[in-house]
Protein backbone atom coordinates (compact mmCIF):
# COMPACT_ATOMS: atom_id res chain seq x y z
CA MET A 1 17.92 66.91 -26.04
CA LYS A 2 15.35 66.77 -28.85
CA THR A 3 14.48 64.17 -31.43
CA CYS A 4 14.44 64.96 -35.13
CA PHE A 5 13.86 62.98 -38.28
CA ILE A 6 15.72 63.49 -41.52
CA TYR A 7 13.83 63.13 -44.77
CA THR A 8 15.77 62.20 -47.89
CA THR A 9 15.33 60.23 -51.11
CA PHE A 10 17.46 57.73 -53.02
CA PRO A 11 17.48 56.35 -56.57
CA ASN A 12 16.70 52.84 -55.28
CA ARG A 13 16.39 50.64 -52.18
CA ALA A 14 19.97 49.28 -52.44
CA GLU A 15 21.50 52.79 -52.37
CA ALA A 16 19.24 53.74 -49.45
CA LYS A 17 20.17 50.64 -47.43
CA SER A 18 23.88 51.14 -48.06
CA LEU A 19 24.00 54.78 -46.93
CA ILE A 20 21.62 54.22 -44.01
CA THR A 21 23.72 51.30 -42.74
CA LYS A 22 26.82 53.54 -42.77
CA LEU A 23 24.94 56.26 -40.87
CA ILE A 24 23.88 53.75 -38.20
CA GLU A 25 27.40 52.32 -37.95
CA SER A 26 28.75 55.88 -37.55
CA GLY A 27 26.34 56.56 -34.68
CA LEU A 28 24.67 59.44 -36.55
CA ILE A 29 21.19 57.89 -36.73
CA ALA A 30 19.50 55.18 -34.69
CA CYS A 31 17.28 53.73 -37.41
CA ALA A 32 15.40 54.52 -40.59
CA ASN A 33 12.27 53.66 -42.52
CA ILE A 34 12.55 53.18 -46.27
CA PHE A 35 9.29 53.66 -48.14
CA PRO A 36 8.22 51.91 -51.35
CA GLU A 37 9.16 53.29 -54.71
CA THR A 38 7.58 56.58 -55.69
CA THR A 39 7.85 58.91 -58.67
CA ALA A 40 9.71 62.20 -58.46
CA ILE A 41 8.95 64.96 -60.97
CA TYR A 42 11.25 67.95 -60.88
CA GLN A 43 13.12 70.50 -62.97
CA TRP A 44 16.84 69.86 -63.51
CA GLU A 45 19.10 71.46 -66.10
CA ASN A 46 16.15 73.38 -67.56
CA LYS A 47 14.13 70.23 -68.26
CA ILE A 48 11.25 68.55 -66.49
CA GLN A 49 12.60 65.22 -65.24
CA GLU A 50 10.79 62.14 -63.97
CA GLN A 51 12.46 59.34 -62.02
CA ASN A 52 11.54 56.51 -59.68
CA GLU A 53 13.08 56.71 -56.23
CA VAL A 54 12.56 55.64 -52.62
CA ALA A 55 12.06 57.99 -49.68
CA ALA A 56 13.38 57.48 -46.16
CA TYR A 57 12.92 58.89 -42.69
CA LEU A 58 16.12 58.72 -40.64
CA LYS A 59 15.66 58.97 -36.87
CA THR A 60 18.20 60.81 -34.74
CA MET A 61 18.74 63.49 -32.12
CA GLU A 62 18.97 67.15 -33.02
CA ASP A 63 22.61 67.39 -31.91
CA LYS A 64 23.53 64.75 -34.54
CA PHE A 65 21.69 66.44 -37.41
CA THR A 66 24.53 68.60 -38.78
CA ALA A 67 27.01 65.72 -38.86
CA ALA A 68 24.41 63.38 -40.39
CA LYS A 69 23.49 66.01 -43.01
CA GLU A 70 27.14 66.48 -43.97
CA PHE A 71 27.67 62.69 -44.13
CA ILE A 72 24.64 62.33 -46.40
CA GLU A 73 25.69 65.21 -48.65
CA ASN A 74 29.22 63.80 -48.98
CA ASN A 75 28.15 60.20 -49.65
CA HIS A 76 24.80 60.46 -51.44
CA PRO A 77 24.54 59.28 -55.06
CA TYR A 78 22.58 62.43 -56.04
CA GLU A 79 24.47 65.60 -56.93
CA CYS A 80 21.87 67.65 -55.04
CA PRO A 81 20.04 65.49 -52.47
CA CYS A 82 17.19 66.74 -50.32
CA VAL A 83 18.22 66.53 -46.66
CA ALA A 84 15.38 68.01 -44.60
CA LYS A 85 15.15 68.17 -40.82
CA ILE A 86 11.72 67.41 -39.38
CA PHE A 87 11.21 68.57 -35.81
CA ILE A 88 9.41 66.15 -33.51
CA ASP A 89 7.31 67.96 -30.91
CA GLU A 90 6.40 64.87 -28.95
CA ILE A 91 7.45 61.23 -28.92
CA ASN A 92 6.64 58.35 -26.58
CA GLU A 93 9.01 58.01 -23.63
CA ASN A 94 10.20 54.44 -24.23
CA TYR A 95 11.06 55.13 -27.87
CA PHE A 96 12.87 58.35 -26.91
CA LYS A 97 14.90 56.44 -24.31
CA TRP A 98 15.83 53.76 -26.85
CA LEU A 99 16.78 56.41 -29.41
CA LYS A 100 19.09 58.22 -26.97
CA GLU A 101 20.70 54.96 -25.85
CA SER A 102 21.23 53.87 -29.46
CA LEU A 103 23.11 57.08 -30.21
CA SER A 104 25.28 57.09 -27.07
């Protein structure tokens, strides 16, 4: 069993906390880190857009990724959220043990 992180962004901290709490309650992630507000610049509907948002790393096991991704896509406030899997090559043993136990 391998660890993976999920990277995604939200329009604000409240939206991030709400969705992350539901993911934890559903047993799809063990925990998450929400980072301070940042600025996103992107093209949408043929226009350059700029918006403040928060980014988050969601910590889970690889076998939970697909279900977590689908949950995020179905419940995210963005029409087209980024849901990226980040592979973790190595992680300390005690944290890995806690992560597995949290998702059991």
